[in-house]
PDB file of N, CA and C in Angstrom:
ATOM      1  N   UNK A   1     -21.889 -18.335   8.004  1.00  0.00           N
ATOM      2  CA  UNK A   1     -21.350 -17.064   7.537  1.00  0.00           C
ATOM      3  C   UNK A   1     -22.465 -16.034   7.457  1.00  0.00           C
ATOM      4  N   UNK A   2     -22.111 -14.814   7.728  1.00  0.00           N
ATOM      5  CA  UNK A   2     -23.084 -13.740   7.597  1.00  0.00           C
ATOM      6  C   UNK A   2     -23.045 -13.214   6.170  1.00  0.00           C
ATOM      7  N   UNK A   3     -23.965 -12.347   5.859  1.00  0.00           N
ATOM      8  CA  UNK A   3     -24.009 -11.784   4.505  1.00  0.00           C
ATOM      9  C   UNK A   3     -22.785 -10.932   4.200  1.00  0.00           C
ATOM     10  N   UNK A   4     -22.181 -10.330   5.243  1.00  0.00           N
ATOM     11  CA  UNK A   4     -21.022  -9.469   5.016  1.00  0.00           C
ATOM     12  C   UNK A   4     -19.786 -10.280   4.628  1.00  0.00           C
ATOM     13  N   UNK A   5     -19.632 -11.485   5.199  1.00  0.00           N
ATOM     14  CA  UNK A   5     -18.445 -12.283   4.914  1.00  0.00           C
ATOM     15  C   UNK A   5     -18.691 -13.272   3.786  1.00  0.00           C
ATOM     16  N   UNK A   6     -19.949 -13.493   3.434  1.00  0.00           N
ATOM     17  CA  UNK A   6     -20.262 -14.419   2.364  1.00  0.00           C
ATOM     18  C   UNK A   6     -20.042 -13.743   1.017  1.00  0.00           C
ATOM     19  N   UNK A   7     -19.426 -14.467   0.113  1.00  0.00           N
ATOM     20  CA  UNK A   7     -19.133 -13.897  -1.188  1.00  0.00           C
ATOM     21  C   UNK A   7     -20.265 -14.098  -2.172  1.00  0.00           C
ATOM     22  N   UNK A   8     -20.124 -13.477  -3.284  1.00  0.00           N
ATOM     23  CA  UNK A   8     -21.080 -13.574  -4.380  1.00  0.00           C
ATOM     24  C   UNK A   8     -20.687 -14.761  -5.250  1.00  0.00           C
ATOM     25  N   UNK A   9     -21.665 -15.523  -5.720  1.00  0.00           N
ATOM     26  CA  UNK A   9     -21.382 -16.665  -6.575  1.00  0.00           C
ATOM     27  C   UNK A   9     -21.618 -16.246  -8.020  1.00  0.00           C
ATOM     28  N   UNK A  10     -20.575 -16.393  -8.824  1.00  0.00           N
ATOM     29  CA  UNK A  10     -20.633 -16.012 -10.224  1.00  0.00           C
ATOM     30  C   UNK A  10     -20.076 -17.154 -11.044  1.00  0.00           C
ATOM     31  N   UNK A  11     -20.873 -17.721 -11.933  1.00  0.00           N
ATOM     32  CA  UNK A  11     -20.470 -18.849 -12.770  1.00  0.00           C
ATOM     33  C   UNK A  11     -19.959 -20.020 -11.928  1.00  0.00           C
ATOM     34  N   UNK A  12     -20.583 -20.231 -10.774  1.00  0.00           N
ATOM     35  CA  UNK A  12     -20.214 -21.348  -9.926  1.00  0.00           C
ATOM     36  C   UNK A  12     -18.982 -21.121  -9.072  1.00  0.00           C
ATOM     37  N   UNK A  13     -18.426 -19.929  -9.099  1.00  0.00           N
ATOM     38  CA  UNK A  13     -17.238 -19.608  -8.304  1.00  0.00           C
ATOM     39  C   UNK A  13     -17.630 -18.561  -7.279  1.00  0.00           C
ATOM     40  N   UNK A  14     -17.300 -18.828  -6.014  1.00  0.00           N
ATOM     41  CA  UNK A  14     -17.631 -17.867  -4.974  1.00  0.00           C
ATOM     42  C   UNK A  14     -16.566 -16.776  -4.921  1.00  0.00           C
ATOM     43  N   UNK A  15     -17.000 -15.544  -5.110  1.00  0.00           N
ATOM     44  CA  UNK A  15     -16.107 -14.395  -5.057  1.00  0.00           C
ATOM     45  C   UNK A  15     -16.200 -13.778  -3.673  1.00  0.00           C
ATOM     46  N   UNK A  16     -15.074 -13.713  -2.991  1.00  0.00           N
ATOM     47  CA  UNK A  16     -15.063 -13.142  -1.654  1.00  0.00           C
ATOM     48  C   UNK A  16     -14.985 -11.625  -1.761  1.00  0.00           C
ATOM     49  N   UNK A  17     -15.561 -10.922  -0.798  1.00  0.00           N
ATOM     50  CA  UNK A  17     -15.494  -9.460  -0.845  1.00  0.00           C
ATOM     51  C   UNK A  17     -14.055  -8.984  -0.683  1.00  0.00           C
ATOM     52  N   UNK A  18     -13.751  -7.875  -1.338  1.00  0.00           N
ATOM     53  CA  UNK A  18     -12.408  -7.311  -1.259  1.00  0.00           C
ATOM     54  C   UNK A  18     -12.190  -6.646   0.090  1.00  0.00           C
ATOM     55  N   UNK A  19     -10.966  -6.730   0.555  1.00  0.00           N
ATOM     56  CA  UNK A  19     -10.585  -6.001   1.755  1.00  0.00           C
ATOM     57  C   UNK A  19      -9.851  -4.755   1.318  1.00  0.00           C
ATOM     58  N   UNK A  20     -10.330  -3.620   1.746  1.00  0.00           N
ATOM     59  CA  UNK A  20      -9.698  -2.369   1.370  1.00  0.00           C
ATOM     60  C   UNK A  20      -8.572  -2.090   2.364  1.00  0.00           C
ATOM     61  N   UNK A  21      -7.345  -2.173   1.885  1.00  0.00           N
ATOM     62  CA  UNK A  21      -6.184  -1.917   2.719  1.00  0.00           C
ATOM     63  C   UNK A  21      -5.487  -0.685   2.161  1.00  0.00           C
ATOM     64  N   UNK A  22      -5.426   0.341   2.960  1.00  0.00           N
ATOM     65  CA  UNK A  22      -4.779   1.571   2.526  1.00  0.00           C
ATOM     66  C   UNK A  22      -3.491   1.755   3.328  1.00  0.00           C
ATOM     67  N   UNK A  23      -2.419   2.115   2.652  1.00  0.00           N
ATOM     68  CA  UNK A  23      -1.198   2.388   3.407  1.00  0.00           C
ATOM     69  C   UNK A  23      -1.357   3.661   4.224  1.00  0.00           C
ATOM     70  N   UNK A  24      -0.638   3.702   5.315  1.00  0.00           N
ATOM     71  CA  UNK A  24      -0.695   4.898   6.144  1.00  0.00           C
ATOM     72  C   UNK A  24       0.044   6.022   5.436  1.00  0.00           C
ATOM     73  N   UNK A  25      -0.601   7.147   5.332  1.00  0.00           N
ATOM     74  CA  UNK A  25      -0.002   8.295   4.664  1.00  0.00           C
ATOM     75  C   UNK A  25       0.884   9.042   5.660  1.00  0.00           C
ATOM     76  N   UNK A  26       2.097   9.241   5.264  1.00  0.00           N
ATOM     77  CA  UNK A  26       3.024   9.996   6.100  1.00  0.00           C
ATOM     78  C   UNK A  26       2.999  11.449   5.646  1.00  0.00           C
ATOM     79  N   UNK A  27       2.955  12.369   6.585  1.00  0.00           N
ATOM     80  CA  UNK A  27       2.961  13.781   6.184  1.00  0.00           C
ATOM     81  C   UNK A  27       4.294  14.158   5.542  1.00  0.00           C
ATOM     82  N   UNK A  28       4.213  14.941   4.496  1.00  0.00           N
ATOM     83  CA  UNK A  28       5.406  15.378   3.779  1.00  0.00           C
ATOM     84  C   UNK A  28       5.658  16.840   4.125  1.00  0.00           C
ATOM     85  N   UNK A  29       6.861  17.106   4.550  1.00  0.00           N
ATOM     86  CA  UNK A  29       7.233  18.490   4.877  1.00  0.00           C
ATOM     87  C   UNK A  29       8.018  19.049   3.693  1.00  0.00           C
ATOM     88  N   UNK A  30       7.320  19.767   2.821  1.00  0.00           N
ATOM     89  CA  UNK A  30       7.944  20.321   1.616  1.00  0.00           C
ATOM     90  C   UNK A  30       8.878  21.481   1.926  1.00  0.00           C
ATOM     91  N   UNK A  31       8.819  22.002   3.143  1.00  0.00           N
ATOM     92  CA  UNK A  31       9.611  23.185   3.469  1.00  0.00           C
ATOM     93  C   UNK A  31      11.064  22.857   3.784  1.00  0.00           C
ATOM     94  N   UNK A  32      11.335  21.611   4.174  1.00  0.00           N
ATOM     95  CA  UNK A  32      12.721  21.249   4.490  1.00  0.00           C
ATOM     96  C   UNK A  32      13.356  20.591   3.271  1.00  0.00           C
ATOM     97  N   UNK A  33      14.649  20.728   3.098  1.00  0.00           N
ATOM     98  CA  UNK A  33      15.326  20.098   1.955  1.00  0.00           C
ATOM     99  C   UNK A  33      15.215  18.569   1.983  1.00  0.00           C
ATOM    100  N   UNK A  34      15.238  17.976   3.198  1.00  0.00           N
ATOM    101  CA  UNK A  34      15.122  16.516   3.300  1.00  0.00           C
ATOM    102  C   UNK A  34      13.736  16.046   2.870  1.00  0.00           C
ATOM    103  N   UNK A  35      12.709  16.771   3.293  1.00  0.00           N
ATOM    104  CA  UNK A  35      11.341  16.402   2.926  1.00  0.00           C
ATOM    105  C   UNK A  35      11.107  16.541   1.432  1.00  0.00           C
ATOM    106  N   UNK A  36      11.628  17.594   0.853  1.00  0.00           N
ATOM    107  CA  UNK A  36      11.480  17.808  -0.584  1.00  0.00           C
ATOM    108  C   UNK A  36      12.225  16.726  -1.364  1.00  0.00           C
ATOM    109  N   UNK A  37      13.424  16.363  -0.904  1.00  0.00           N
ATOM    110  CA  UNK A  37      14.200  15.319  -1.576  1.00  0.00           C
ATOM    111  C   UNK A  37      13.488  13.965  -1.479  1.00  0.00           C
ATOM    112  N   UNK A  38      12.898  13.658  -0.317  1.00  0.00           N
ATOM    113  CA  UNK A  38      12.159  12.401  -0.157  1.00  0.00           C
ATOM    114  C   UNK A  38      10.963  12.351  -1.100  1.00  0.00           C
ATOM    115  N   UNK A  39      10.236  13.447  -1.184  1.00  0.00           N
ATOM    116  CA  UNK A  39       9.054  13.490  -2.046  1.00  0.00           C
ATOM    117  C   UNK A  39       9.449  13.339  -3.513  1.00  0.00           C
ATOM    118  N   UNK A  40      10.476  14.032  -3.949  1.00  0.00           N
ATOM    119  CA  UNK A  40      10.909  13.946  -5.347  1.00  0.00           C
ATOM    120  C   UNK A  40      11.434  12.545  -5.680  1.00  0.00           C
ATOM    121  N   UNK A  41      12.142  11.917  -4.726  1.00  0.00           N
ATOM    122  CA  UNK A  41      12.629  10.557  -4.942  1.00  0.00           C
ATOM    123  C   UNK A  41      11.455   9.578  -5.100  1.00  0.00           C
ATOM    124  N   UNK A  42      10.437   9.747  -4.278  1.00  0.00           N
ATOM    125  CA  UNK A  42       9.256   8.890  -4.359  1.00  0.00           C
ATOM    126  C   UNK A  42       8.529   9.089  -5.686  1.00  0.00           C
ATOM    127  N   UNK A  43       8.415  10.319  -6.131  1.00  0.00           N
ATOM    128  CA  UNK A  43       7.763  10.614  -7.408  1.00  0.00           C
ATOM    129  C   UNK A  43       8.536   9.971  -8.554  1.00  0.00           C
ATOM    130  N   UNK A  44       9.860  10.059  -8.520  1.00  0.00           N
ATOM    131  CA  UNK A  44      10.680   9.426  -9.569  1.00  0.00           C
ATOM    132  C   UNK A  44      10.512   7.918  -9.579  1.00  0.00           C
ATOM    133  N   UNK A  45      10.419   7.292  -8.396  1.00  0.00           N
ATOM    134  CA  UNK A  45      10.228   5.842  -8.310  1.00  0.00           C
ATOM    135  C   UNK A  45       8.893   5.433  -8.914  1.00  0.00           C
ATOM    136  N   UNK A  46       7.848   6.179  -8.616  1.00  0.00           N
ATOM    137  CA  UNK A  46       6.520   5.863  -9.155  1.00  0.00           C
ATOM    138  C   UNK A  46       6.520   6.001 -10.672  1.00  0.00           C
ATOM    139  N   UNK A  47       7.115   7.055 -11.183  1.00  0.00           N
ATOM    140  CA  UNK A  47       7.163   7.264 -12.628  1.00  0.00           C
ATOM    141  C   UNK A  47       7.968   6.156 -13.297  1.00  0.00           C
ATOM    142  N   UNK A  48       9.098   5.761 -12.695  1.00  0.00           N
ATOM    143  CA  UNK A  48       9.917   4.697 -13.274  1.00  0.00           C
ATOM    144  C   UNK A  48       9.177   3.364 -13.256  1.00  0.00           C
ATOM    145  N   UNK A  49       8.443   3.098 -12.185  1.00  0.00           N
ATOM    146  CA  UNK A  49       7.713   1.837 -12.076  1.00  0.00           C
ATOM    147  C   UNK A  49       6.583   1.756 -13.093  1.00  0.00           C
ATOM    148  N   UNK A  50       5.900   2.858 -13.325  1.00  0.00           N
ATOM    149  CA  UNK A  50       4.713   2.865 -14.186  1.00  0.00           C
ATOM    150  C   UNK A  50       4.973   3.557 -15.523  1.00  0.00           C
ATOM    151  N   UNK A  51       6.205   3.596 -15.974  1.00  0.00           N
ATOM    152  CA  UNK A  51       6.568   4.309 -17.204  1.00  0.00           C
ATOM    153  C   UNK A  51       5.771   3.816 -18.407  1.00  0.00           C
ATOM    154  N   UNK A  52       5.654   2.498 -18.581  1.00  0.00           N
ATOM    155  CA  UNK A  52       4.933   1.957 -19.736  1.00  0.00           C
ATOM    156  C   UNK A  52       3.465   2.359 -19.717  1.00  0.00           C
ATOM    157  N   UNK A  53       2.858   2.327 -18.545  1.00  0.00           N
ATOM    158  CA  UNK A  53       1.444   2.700 -18.435  1.00  0.00           C
ATOM    159  C   UNK A  53       1.269   4.183 -18.740  1.00  0.00           C
ATOM    160  N   UNK A  54       2.151   5.015 -18.222  1.00  0.00           N
ATOM    161  CA  UNK A  54       2.060   6.443 -18.483  1.00  0.00           C
ATOM    162  C   UNK A  54       2.231   6.768 -19.959  1.00  0.00           C
ATOM    163  N   UNK A  55       3.144   6.064 -20.635  1.00  0.00           N
ATOM    164  CA  UNK A  55       3.314   6.279 -22.075  1.00  0.00           C
ATOM    165  C   UNK A  55       2.071   5.855 -22.847  1.00  0.00           C
ATOM    166  N   UNK A  56       1.495   4.719 -22.468  1.00  0.00           N
ATOM    167  CA  UNK A  56       0.288   4.250 -23.141  1.00  0.00           C
ATOM    168  C   UNK A  56      -0.872   5.221 -22.941  1.00  0.00           C
ATOM    169  N   UNK A  57      -0.990   5.770 -21.743  1.00  0.00           N
ATOM    170  CA  UNK A  57      -2.059   6.744 -21.489  1.00  0.00           C
ATOM    171  C   UNK A  57      -1.828   8.035 -22.267  1.00  0.00           C
ATOM    172  N   UNK A  58      -0.582   8.427 -22.436  1.00  0.00           N
ATOM    173  CA  UNK A  58      -0.277   9.650 -23.179  1.00  0.00           C
ATOM    174  C   UNK A  58      -0.631   9.510 -24.653  1.00  0.00           C
ATOM    175  N   UNK A  59      -0.565   8.292 -25.199  1.00  0.00           N
ATOM    176  CA  UNK A  59      -0.837   8.062 -26.610  1.00  0.00           C
ATOM    177  C   UNK A  59      -2.319   7.856 -26.903  1.00  0.00           C
ATOM    178  N   UNK A  60      -3.165   7.857 -25.895  1.00  0.00           N
ATOM    179  CA  UNK A  60      -4.599   7.636 -26.104  1.00  0.00           C
ATOM    180  C   UNK A  60      -5.243   8.774 -26.847  1.00  0.00           C
TER     181      UNK A  60
END
């Protein structure tokens, strides 16, 4: 193994390097009603999924 693929050993456990995987960003067309509706729907889904985290951050 090379140094790039070899992980770090911590407390006897080899930690492999993380792979950074980014989703492909799709362009959003805010000017059309369909694009605006898609963006707002996505925003609502994210807020609903992370509601507990957002509330906890608001109370900090």
